[in-house]
Amino acid sequence: MSRGRKAQQDNGGRRGRRRDPGAPVRSPRGPVGAYGDRAQRVIYIAHEGEKTEKDYLQLLERTYRTRDGKPTFRFALLGEAGGLRPMATVDRVLEQAGPHDEKWVFFDRDAADSRDTEIPQAMRKAAKNGVQVVLSHPSFELWLLLHFQLWTSQESGLDSKVKDRLRQHKDAKGFEDYDRASGDRGKGIDGQRAESLLGPGRVKNAIRNARKLVNACQYGQCKAKDADEIAATNPVPNKPETYEEWTRRSGHAGGCDPLKRDPSTDVWRLLAALEIDGEDE
């Protein structure tokens, strides 16, 4: 039994009520930190991508935030038109969130964007300031694809083949024109695409596949279960850790080079932190 399922039974109810994927998420009124209900867990997330990550996070919020009829968490999403560089995501979340707030950032390996030096620097700054990093190698689209299948091919930070496979997969309904259609449709996650991602067993499948990639990391000492053990005894901290301690939260060994985690994605860690395991699908 998963930890998320046990927590569900202990609480005497469903862990999270599924909601209509197309329903809108209400934006906070006033400044991003001005939340009146302090019973909610507010998670500040700065994301590199202008559209896809934001849409997916809003989909998670709509689907899983309500438990036992009450909202339990809320995302304060921090993005920018045109997107953000890796270091800029860390800077943005540190600017907007307080020192004791829960802070995450999303960015990609994206070898086509000359960021070999910037990514390690951004990750060390994040570790120093208690920010959790969700790195996707080569890109966030890998996480989307993992809902439908395992992908182990090393692409050296380039995501064209990952996107091609996502468009072609028979179960990825709505993704046929992903990143090719115009406007919001291009990289948006709504309508049929959202329904495909939330299909029976899909979220659970993505988590399982992402964990397999940690275990298969070429460094040779990375294990997803190590992340579970750390989280069970010391949940996501809001204070600095050594870089090695901070890295082990991802399941990767302290000395594992993030640029060589090919392929991998840390999105599953955020779901684990929220006790989302896909069992309710």
C-alpha atoms as a PDB file:
ATOM      1  CA  MET A   1       0.000   0.000   0.000  1.00  0.00           C
ATOM      2  CA  SER A   2       1.318   3.425  -0.893  1.00  0.00           C
ATOM      3  CA  ARG A   3       1.852   6.063   1.778  1.00  0.00           C
ATOM      4  CA  GLY A   4      -0.725   8.231   0.053  1.00  0.00           C
ATOM      5  CA  ARG A   5      -3.334   5.416   0.123  1.00  0.00           C
ATOM      6  CA  LYS A   6      -2.630   4.706   3.822  1.00  0.00           C
ATOM      7  CA  ALA A   7      -3.078   8.382   4.638  1.00  0.00           C
ATOM      8  CA  GLN A   8      -6.382   8.268   2.797  1.00  0.00           C
ATOM      9  CA  GLN A   9      -7.628   5.358   4.899  1.00  0.00           C
ATOM     10  CA  ASP A  10      -6.387   6.882   8.136  1.00  0.00           C
ATOM     11  CA  ASN A  11      -8.343  10.034   7.362  1.00  0.00           C
ATOM     12  CA  GLY A  12     -11.473   8.002   6.673  1.00  0.00           C
ATOM     13  CA  GLY A  13     -12.124   9.378   3.206  1.00  0.00           C
ATOM     14  CA  ARG A  14     -10.886   9.964  -0.279  1.00  0.00           C
ATOM     15  CA  ARG A  15      -7.545  11.668  -0.578  1.00  0.00           C
ATOM     16  CA  GLY A  16      -8.582  14.139  -3.239  1.00  0.00           C
ATOM     17  CA  ARG A  17     -11.720  14.757  -5.216  1.00  0.00           C
ATOM     18  CA  ARG A  18     -11.346  14.808  -8.970  1.00  0.00           C
ATOM     19  CA  ARG A  19     -12.693  17.924 -10.628  1.00  0.00           C
ATOM     20  CA  ASP A  20     -13.665  18.913 -14.130  1.00  0.00           C
ATOM     21  CA  PRO A  21     -10.374  19.382 -16.046  1.00  0.00           C
ATOM     22  CA  GLY A  22     -11.884  22.293 -17.932  1.00  0.00           C
ATOM     23  CA  ALA A  23     -13.081  24.231 -14.903  1.00  0.00           C
ATOM     24  CA  PRO A  24     -11.246  27.527 -14.296  1.00  0.00           C
ATOM     25  CA  VAL A  25      -8.925  28.106 -11.364  1.00  0.00           C
ATOM     26  CA  ARG A  26      -9.704  31.304  -9.540  1.00  0.00           C
ATOM     27  CA  SER A  27      -6.735  33.612  -9.274  1.00  0.00           C
ATOM     28  CA  PRO A  28      -5.830  35.034  -5.859  1.00  0.00           C
ATOM     29  CA  ARG A  29      -6.984  38.549  -5.226  1.00  0.00           C
ATOM     30  CA  GLY A  30      -4.381  41.085  -4.305  1.00  0.00           C
ATOM     31  CA  PRO A  31      -0.673  40.290  -3.800  1.00  0.00           C
ATOM     32  CA  VAL A  32       0.441  36.709  -4.239  1.00  0.00           C
ATOM     33  CA  GLY A  33       1.074  36.342  -0.504  1.00  0.00           C
ATOM     34  CA  ALA A  34      -2.260  37.783   0.605  1.00  0.00           C
ATOM     35  CA  TYR A  35      -4.113  34.561   1.399  1.00  0.00           C
ATOM     36  CA  GLY A  36      -6.732  34.838   4.122  1.00  0.00           C
ATOM     37  CA  ASP A  37      -7.116  31.110   4.828  1.00  0.00           C
ATOM     38  CA  ARG A  38      -3.928  30.080   6.564  1.00  0.00           C
ATOM     39  CA  ALA A  39      -5.221  26.504   6.892  1.00  0.00           C
ATOM     40  CA  GLN A  40      -4.328  26.048   3.241  1.00  0.00           C
ATOM     41  CA  ARG A  41      -0.826  25.005   2.345  1.00  0.00           C
ATOM     42  CA  VAL A  42       0.454  27.687  -0.012  1.00  0.00           C
ATOM     43  CA  ILE A  43       3.209  26.548  -2.363  1.00  0.00           C
ATOM     44  CA  TYR A  44       5.116  29.149  -4.358  1.00  0.00           C
ATOM     45  CA  ILE A  45       6.225  27.801  -7.733  1.00  0.00           C
ATOM     46  CA  ALA A  46       8.250  29.737 -10.309  1.00  0.00           C
ATOM     47  CA  HIS A  47       8.151  28.017 -13.685  1.00  0.00           C
ATOM     48  CA  GLU A  48      10.372  28.424 -16.721  1.00  0.00           C
ATOM     49  CA  GLY A  49       7.780  27.773 -19.409  1.00  0.00           C
ATOM     50  CA  GLU A  50       5.185  30.388 -20.239  1.00  0.00           C
ATOM     51  CA  LYS A  51       2.302  27.969 -20.886  1.00  0.00           C
ATOM     52  CA  THR A  52       2.710  24.213 -20.424  1.00  0.00           C
ATOM     53  CA  GLU A  53       3.950  24.018 -16.834  1.00  0.00           C
ATOM     54  CA  LYS A  54       1.432  26.622 -15.706  1.00  0.00           C
ATOM     55  CA  ASP A  55      -1.461  24.761 -17.304  1.00  0.00           C
ATOM     56  CA  TYR A  56      -0.377  21.435 -15.837  1.00  0.00           C
ATOM     57  CA  LEU A  57       0.016  22.849 -12.337  1.00  0.00           C
ATOM     58  CA  GLN A  58      -3.412  24.455 -12.552  1.00  0.00           C
ATOM     59  CA  LEU A  59      -4.782  21.085 -13.655  1.00  0.00           C
ATOM     60  CA  LEU A  60      -3.271  19.451 -10.569  1.00  0.00           C
ATOM     61  CA  GLU A  61      -4.727  22.164  -8.364  1.00  0.00           C
ATOM     62  CA  ARG A  62      -8.222  21.805  -9.799  1.00  0.00           C
ATOM     63  CA  THR A  63      -8.116  18.030  -9.539  1.00  0.00           C
ATOM     64  CA  TYR A  64      -6.500  17.315  -6.194  1.00  0.00           C
ATOM     65  CA  ARG A  65      -6.573  20.320  -3.868  1.00  0.00           C
ATOM     66  CA  THR A  66      -9.917  19.506  -2.187  1.00  0.00           C
ATOM     67  CA  ARG A  67     -10.014  16.769   0.441  1.00  0.00           C
ATOM     68  CA  ASP A  68     -12.953  15.979   2.679  1.00  0.00           C
ATOM     69  CA  GLY A  69     -14.708  18.968   1.158  1.00  0.00           C
ATOM     70  CA  LYS A  70     -11.987  21.439   2.124  1.00  0.00           C
ATOM     71  CA  PRO A  71      -9.167  22.998   0.083  1.00  0.00           C
ATOM     72  CA  THR A  72      -5.835  21.777   1.442  1.00  0.00           C
ATOM     73  CA  PHE A  73      -3.252  23.476  -0.753  1.00  0.00           C
ATOM     74  CA  ARG A  74      -2.897  26.303  -3.205  1.00  0.00           C
ATOM     75  CA  PHE A  75      -0.260  27.084  -5.809  1.00  0.00           C
ATOM     76  CA  ALA A  76       1.057  30.624  -6.115  1.00  0.00           C
ATOM     77  CA  LEU A  77       2.363  30.399  -9.676  1.00  0.00           C
ATOM     78  CA  LEU A  78       5.118  32.763 -10.747  1.00  0.00           C
ATOM     79  CA  GLY A  79       5.847  32.973 -14.452  1.00  0.00           C
ATOM     80  CA  GLU A  80       6.540  35.544 -17.115  1.00  0.00           C
ATOM     81  CA  ALA A  81       5.540  36.155 -20.702  1.00  0.00           C
ATOM     82  CA  GLY A  82       8.308  34.685 -22.817  1.00  0.00           C
ATOM     83  CA  GLY A  83       9.434  32.383 -20.002  1.00  0.00           C
ATOM     84  CA  LEU A  84      12.216  32.460 -17.415  1.00  0.00           C
ATOM     85  CA  ARG A  85      15.793  31.180 -17.390  1.00  0.00           C
ATOM     86  CA  PRO A  86      16.736  28.641 -14.669  1.00  0.00           C
ATOM     87  CA  MET A  87      18.467  31.189 -12.432  1.00  0.00           C
ATOM     88  CA  ALA A  88      15.603  33.622 -12.950  1.00  0.00           C
ATOM     89  CA  THR A  89      13.102  31.068 -11.606  1.00  0.00           C
ATOM     90  CA  VAL A  90      15.100  30.794  -8.385  1.00  0.00           C
ATOM     91  CA  ASP A  91      15.422  34.557  -8.098  1.00  0.00           C
ATOM     92  CA  ARG A  92      11.709  35.045  -8.773  1.00  0.00           C
ATOM     93  CA  VAL A  93      10.503  32.638  -6.104  1.00  0.00           C
ATOM     94  CA  LEU A  94      12.924  34.096  -3.563  1.00  0.00           C
ATOM     95  CA  GLU A  95      11.637  37.584  -4.355  1.00  0.00           C
ATOM     96  CA  GLN A  96       7.967  36.656  -3.996  1.00  0.00           C
ATOM     97  CA  ALA A  97       7.953  34.120  -1.158  1.00  0.00           C
ATOM     98  CA  GLY A  98       8.953  34.613   2.447  1.00  0.00           C
ATOM     99  CA  PRO A  99      11.897  32.829   4.071  1.00  0.00           C
ATOM    100  CA  HIS A 100       9.639  30.242   5.723  1.00  0.00           C
ATOM    101  CA  ASP A 101       7.307  29.659   2.766  1.00  0.00           C
ATOM    102  CA  GLU A 102       7.421  26.462   0.724  1.00  0.00           C
ATOM    103  CA  LYS A 103       9.228  27.200  -2.533  1.00  0.00           C
ATOM    104  CA  TRP A 104       9.659  25.198  -5.747  1.00  0.00           C
ATOM    105  CA  VAL A 105      10.935  25.983  -9.236  1.00  0.00           C
ATOM    106  CA  PHE A 106      10.475  24.187 -12.568  1.00  0.00           C
ATOM    107  CA  PHE A 107      13.030  24.349 -15.365  1.00  0.00           C
ATOM    108  CA  ASP A 108      14.426  22.162 -18.148  1.00  0.00           C
ATOM    109  CA  ARG A 109      17.816  20.848 -19.214  1.00  0.00           C
ATOM    110  CA  ASP A 110      17.212  22.190 -22.753  1.00  0.00           C
ATOM    111  CA  ALA A 111      20.683  21.729 -24.249  1.00  0.00           C
ATOM    112  CA  ALA A 112      19.770  23.983 -27.176  1.00  0.00           C
ATOM    113  CA  ASP A 113      19.647  26.993 -24.858  1.00  0.00           C
ATOM    114  CA  SER A 114      23.289  27.191 -23.611  1.00  0.00           C
ATOM    115  CA  ARG A 115      22.663  26.587 -19.921  1.00  0.00           C
ATOM    116  CA  ASP A 116      25.356  24.072 -18.915  1.00  0.00           C
ATOM    117  CA  THR A 117      26.866  26.512 -16.427  1.00  0.00           C
ATOM    118  CA  GLU A 118      23.635  28.170 -15.329  1.00  0.00           C
ATOM    119  CA  ILE A 119      21.776  25.023 -14.237  1.00  0.00           C
ATOM    120  CA  PRO A 120      24.327  23.864 -11.615  1.00  0.00           C
ATOM    121  CA  GLN A 121      24.596  27.432 -10.333  1.00  0.00           C
ATOM    122  CA  ALA A 122      20.823  27.771 -10.088  1.00  0.00           C
ATOM    123  CA  MET A 123      20.558  24.456  -8.259  1.00  0.00           C
ATOM    124  CA  ARG A 124      23.215  25.385  -5.729  1.00  0.00           C
ATOM    125  CA  LYS A 125      21.525  28.724  -5.075  1.00  0.00           C
ATOM    126  CA  ALA A 126      18.219  26.906  -4.639  1.00  0.00           C
ATOM    127  CA  ALA A 127      19.757  24.468  -2.162  1.00  0.00           C
ATOM    128  CA  LYS A 128      21.308  27.303  -0.188  1.00  0.00           C
ATOM    129  CA  ASN A 129      17.939  29.038   0.110  1.00  0.00           C
ATOM    130  CA  GLY A 130      15.607  26.107   0.751  1.00  0.00           C
ATOM    131  CA  VAL A 131      14.090  25.997  -2.747  1.00  0.00           C
ATOM    132  CA  GLN A 132      13.131  22.632  -4.255  1.00  0.00           C
ATOM    133  CA  VAL A 133      14.013  22.218  -7.944  1.00  0.00           C
ATOM    134  CA  VAL A 134      11.989  20.225 -10.459  1.00  0.00           C
ATOM    135  CA  LEU A 135      14.459  19.591 -13.281  1.00  0.00           C
ATOM    136  CA  SER A 136      13.250  17.853 -16.437  1.00  0.00           C
ATOM    137  CA  HIS A 137      15.868  16.398 -18.780  1.00  0.00           C
ATOM    138  CA  PRO A 138      15.434  17.132 -21.644  1.00  0.00           C
ATOM    139  CA  SER A 139      12.173  19.024 -20.998  1.00  0.00           C
ATOM    140  CA  PHE A 140       8.833  19.062 -19.186  1.00  0.00           C
ATOM    141  CA  GLU A 141       7.315  17.210 -22.144  1.00  0.00           C
ATOM    142  CA  LEU A 142       9.083  14.080 -20.881  1.00  0.00           C
ATOM    143  CA  TRP A 143       6.805  14.174 -17.815  1.00  0.00           C
ATOM    144  CA  LEU A 144       3.758  14.430 -20.067  1.00  0.00           C
ATOM    145  CA  LEU A 145       4.928  11.455 -22.126  1.00  0.00           C
ATOM    146  CA  LEU A 146       5.518   9.364 -18.986  1.00  0.00           C
ATOM    147  CA  HIS A 147       1.768   9.397 -18.364  1.00  0.00           C
ATOM    148  CA  PHE A 148       1.502   7.110 -21.389  1.00  0.00           C
ATOM    149  CA  GLN A 149       4.768   5.183 -21.572  1.00  0.00           C
ATOM    150  CA  LEU A 150       8.282   4.795 -20.206  1.00  0.00           C
ATOM    151  CA  TRP A 151      10.977   6.644 -22.166  1.00  0.00           C
ATOM    152  CA  THR A 152      14.620   5.707 -21.583  1.00  0.00           C
ATOM    153  CA  SER A 153      16.340   7.039 -24.694  1.00  0.00           C
ATOM    154  CA  GLN A 154      19.122   9.532 -23.955  1.00  0.00           C
ATOM    155  CA  GLU A 155      18.547  12.645 -26.038  1.00  0.00           C
ATOM    156  CA  SER A 156      21.455  14.813 -24.806  1.00  0.00           C
ATOM    157  CA  GLY A 157      19.104  17.545 -23.662  1.00  0.00           C
ATOM    158  CA  LEU A 158      17.145  17.817 -26.933  1.00  0.00           C
ATOM    159  CA  ASP A 159      13.417  17.106 -26.848  1.00  0.00           C
ATOM    160  CA  SER A 160      12.285  16.822 -30.472  1.00  0.00           C
ATOM    161  CA  LYS A 161      11.946  13.021 -30.306  1.00  0.00           C
ATOM    162  CA  VAL A 162      10.100  13.196 -26.989  1.00  0.00           C
ATOM    163  CA  LYS A 163       7.567  15.618 -28.471  1.00  0.00           C
ATOM    164  CA  ASP A 164       7.223  13.507 -31.611  1.00  0.00           C
ATOM    165  CA  ARG A 165       6.429  10.436 -29.534  1.00  0.00           C
ATOM    166  CA  LEU A 166       3.917  12.397 -27.439  1.00  0.00           C
ATOM    167  CA  ARG A 167       2.131  13.520 -30.606  1.00  0.00           C
ATOM    168  CA  GLN A 168       2.077   9.979 -32.002  1.00  0.00           C
ATOM    169  CA  HIS A 169       1.049   7.984 -28.925  1.00  0.00           C
ATOM    170  CA  LYS A 170      -2.376   6.442 -29.454  1.00  0.00           C
ATOM    171  CA  ASP A 171      -3.539   7.254 -25.913  1.00  0.00           C
ATOM    172  CA  ALA A 172      -2.342  10.877 -25.912  1.00  0.00           C
ATOM    173  CA  LYS A 173      -5.592  12.198 -27.329  1.00  0.00           C
ATOM    174  CA  GLY A 174      -5.453  15.868 -28.229  1.00  0.00           C
ATOM    175  CA  PHE A 175      -1.657  16.008 -28.432  1.00  0.00           C
ATOM    176  CA  GLU A 176      -1.498  15.344 -32.181  1.00  0.00           C
ATOM    177  CA  ASP A 177      -0.743  19.018 -32.882  1.00  0.00           C
ATOM    178  CA  TYR A 178       1.117  19.788 -29.654  1.00  0.00           C
ATOM    179  CA  ASP A 179       3.618  22.648 -30.091  1.00  0.00           C
ATOM    180  CA  ARG A 180       2.499  23.018 -33.703  1.00  0.00           C
ATOM    181  CA  ALA A 181      -0.926  24.629 -33.451  1.00  0.00           C
ATOM    182  CA  SER A 182      -1.183  28.388 -33.100  1.00  0.00           C
ATOM    183  CA  GLY A 183      -1.992  30.417 -29.986  1.00  0.00           C
ATOM    184  CA  ASP A 184      -2.776  28.821 -26.629  1.00  0.00           C
ATOM    185  CA  ARG A 185      -3.573  25.562 -28.381  1.00  0.00           C
ATOM    186  CA  GLY A 186       0.099  25.100 -29.254  1.00  0.00           C
ATOM    187  CA  LYS A 187       1.455  24.069 -25.853  1.00  0.00           C
ATOM    188  CA  GLY A 188      -1.678  24.369 -23.744  1.00  0.00           C
ATOM    189  CA  ILE A 189      -2.884  21.611 -21.408  1.00  0.00           C
ATOM    190  CA  ASP A 190      -6.666  21.715 -21.376  1.00  0.00           C
ATOM    191  CA  GLY A 191      -9.705  20.017 -22.875  1.00  0.00           C
ATOM    192  CA  GLN A 192      -8.931  16.641 -24.429  1.00  0.00           C
ATOM    193  CA  ARG A 193      -5.258  16.878 -23.516  1.00  0.00           C
ATOM    194  CA  ALA A 194      -6.131  17.310 -19.844  1.00  0.00           C
ATOM    195  CA  GLU A 195      -8.582  14.415 -20.013  1.00  0.00           C
ATOM    196  CA  SER A 196      -5.894  12.198 -21.538  1.00  0.00           C
ATOM    197  CA  LEU A 197      -3.406  13.014 -18.784  1.00  0.00           C
ATOM    198  CA  LEU A 198      -6.014  12.291 -16.104  1.00  0.00           C
ATOM    199  CA  GLY A 199      -7.252   9.056 -17.663  1.00  0.00           C
ATOM    200  CA  PRO A 200      -7.428   5.879 -15.540  1.00  0.00           C
ATOM    201  CA  GLY A 201      -4.021   5.097 -14.083  1.00  0.00           C
ATOM    202  CA  ARG A 202      -2.212   7.818 -16.024  1.00  0.00           C
ATOM    203  CA  VAL A 203      -0.909   9.904 -13.106  1.00  0.00           C
ATOM    204  CA  LYS A 204       0.120   6.756 -11.262  1.00  0.00           C
ATOM    205  CA  ASN A 205       1.885   5.591 -14.415  1.00  0.00           C
ATOM    206  CA  ALA A 206       3.793   8.875 -14.766  1.00  0.00           C
ATOM    207  CA  ILE A 207       4.984   8.685 -11.158  1.00  0.00           C
ATOM    208  CA  ARG A 208       6.069   5.070 -11.535  1.00  0.00           C
ATOM    209  CA  ASN A 209       7.917   5.757 -14.782  1.00  0.00           C
ATOM    210  CA  ALA A 210       9.685   8.832 -13.388  1.00  0.00           C
ATOM    211  CA  ARG A 211      10.874   6.812 -10.390  1.00  0.00           C
ATOM    212  CA  LYS A 212      12.200   4.123 -12.727  1.00  0.00           C
ATOM    213  CA  LEU A 213      14.325   6.761 -14.440  1.00  0.00           C
ATOM    214  CA  VAL A 214      15.854   7.767 -11.103  1.00  0.00           C
ATOM    215  CA  ASN A 215      16.757   4.136 -10.420  1.00  0.00           C
ATOM    216  CA  ALA A 216      18.252   3.812 -13.913  1.00  0.00           C
ATOM    217  CA  CYS A 217      20.390   6.967 -13.624  1.00  0.00           C
ATOM    218  CA  GLN A 218      23.830   6.423 -15.129  1.00  0.00           C
ATOM    219  CA  TYR A 219      25.517   7.685 -11.949  1.00  0.00           C
ATOM    220  CA  GLY A 220      24.740   4.260 -10.500  1.00  0.00           C
ATOM    221  CA  GLN A 221      23.890   5.222  -6.908  1.00  0.00           C
ATOM    222  CA  CYS A 222      20.514   6.939  -7.356  1.00  0.00           C
ATOM    223  CA  LYS A 223      17.377   5.377  -5.854  1.00  0.00           C
ATOM    224  CA  ALA A 224      13.862   6.797  -5.727  1.00  0.00           C
ATOM    225  CA  LYS A 225      13.206   5.029  -2.425  1.00  0.00           C
ATOM    226  CA  ASP A 226      15.935   7.156  -0.818  1.00  0.00           C
ATOM    227  CA  ALA A 227      13.781  10.207  -1.525  1.00  0.00           C
ATOM    228  CA  ASP A 228      10.839   8.445   0.151  1.00  0.00           C
ATOM    229  CA  GLU A 229      12.847   7.714   3.280  1.00  0.00           C
ATOM    230  CA  ILE A 230      14.078  11.293   3.586  1.00  0.00           C
ATOM    231  CA  ALA A 231      10.591  12.717   3.052  1.00  0.00           C
ATOM    232  CA  ALA A 232       9.113  10.359   5.651  1.00  0.00           C
ATOM    233  CA  THR A 233      11.459  11.547   8.387  1.00  0.00           C
ATOM    234  CA  ASN A 234      12.098  15.120   7.265  1.00  0.00           C
ATOM    235  CA  PRO A 235       9.415  16.614   4.964  1.00  0.00           C
ATOM    236  CA  VAL A 236      10.283  19.326   2.454  1.00  0.00           C
ATOM    237  CA  PRO A 237      12.274  21.855   4.497  1.00  0.00           C
ATOM    238  CA  ASN A 238      12.071  25.621   4.337  1.00  0.00           C
ATOM    239  CA  LYS A 239      15.620  26.075   5.519  1.00  0.00           C
ATOM    240  CA  PRO A 240      18.981  25.538   3.804  1.00  0.00           C
ATOM    241  CA  GLU A 241      20.635  22.144   3.571  1.00  0.00           C
ATOM    242  CA  THR A 242      24.010  21.154   2.214  1.00  0.00           C
ATOM    243  CA  TYR A 243      23.911  20.656  -1.541  1.00  0.00           C
ATOM    244  CA  GLU A 244      24.425  16.915  -1.090  1.00  0.00           C
ATOM    245  CA  GLU A 245      21.562  16.610   1.435  1.00  0.00           C
ATOM    246  CA  TRP A 246      19.325  18.697  -0.768  1.00  0.00           C
ATOM    247  CA  THR A 247      20.162  16.618  -3.867  1.00  0.00           C
ATOM    248  CA  ARG A 248      19.327  13.345  -2.118  1.00  0.00           C
ATOM    249  CA  ARG A 249      15.744  14.582  -1.721  1.00  0.00           C
ATOM    250  CA  SER A 250      15.344  13.925  -5.445  1.00  0.00           C
ATOM    251  CA  GLY A 251      16.482  10.311  -5.091  1.00  0.00           C
ATOM    252  CA  HIS A 252      19.726  11.162  -6.859  1.00  0.00           C
ATOM    253  CA  ALA A 253      22.998  10.677  -5.026  1.00  0.00           C
ATOM    254  CA  GLY A 254      24.742  13.729  -3.623  1.00  0.00           C
ATOM    255  CA  GLY A 255      27.437  13.609  -6.296  1.00  0.00           C
ATOM    256  CA  CYS A 256      25.138  13.029  -9.277  1.00  0.00           C
ATOM    257  CA  ASP A 257      25.632  15.651 -11.990  1.00  0.00           C
ATOM    258  CA  PRO A 258      22.186  17.065 -12.932  1.00  0.00           C
ATOM    259  CA  LEU A 259      23.315  17.618 -16.524  1.00  0.00           C
ATOM    260  CA  LYS A 260      23.872  13.867 -16.906  1.00  0.00           C
ATOM    261  CA  ARG A 261      20.481  12.690 -15.602  1.00  0.00           C
ATOM    262  CA  ASP A 262      19.428  11.775 -19.112  1.00  0.00           C
ATOM    263  CA  PRO A 263      16.480  11.235 -19.231  1.00  0.00           C
ATOM    264  CA  SER A 264      14.768  12.241 -15.990  1.00  0.00           C
ATOM    265  CA  THR A 265      12.127  14.498 -14.491  1.00  0.00           C
ATOM    266  CA  ASP A 266      11.498  15.508 -10.886  1.00  0.00           C
ATOM    267  CA  VAL A 267       7.802  16.408 -11.249  1.00  0.00           C
ATOM    268  CA  TRP A 268       6.863  13.267  -9.328  1.00  0.00           C
ATOM    269  CA  ARG A 269       8.475  14.784  -6.230  1.00  0.00           C
ATOM    270  CA  LEU A 270       5.924  17.585  -6.045  1.00  0.00           C
ATOM    271  CA  LEU A 271       3.099  15.069  -6.340  1.00  0.00           C
ATOM    272  CA  ALA A 272       4.674  12.954  -3.604  1.00  0.00           C
ATOM    273  CA  ALA A 273       4.965  16.024  -1.369  1.00  0.00           C
ATOM    274  CA  LEU A 274       1.224  16.597  -1.890  1.00  0.00           C
ATOM    275  CA  GLU A 275       0.446  12.896  -1.303  1.00  0.00           C
ATOM    276  CA  ILE A 276      -0.902  12.568  -4.828  1.00  0.00           C
ATOM    277  CA  ASP A 277      -0.328   9.030  -6.044  1.00  0.00           C
ATOM    278  CA  GLY A 278      -2.987   8.636  -8.720  1.00  0.00           C
ATOM    279  CA  GLU A 279      -4.786   5.897  -6.799  1.00  0.00           C
ATOM    280  CA  ASP A 280      -8.132   7.721  -6.963  1.00  0.00           C
ATOM    281  CA  GLU A 281      -8.320   7.635 -10.749  1.00  0.00           C
END
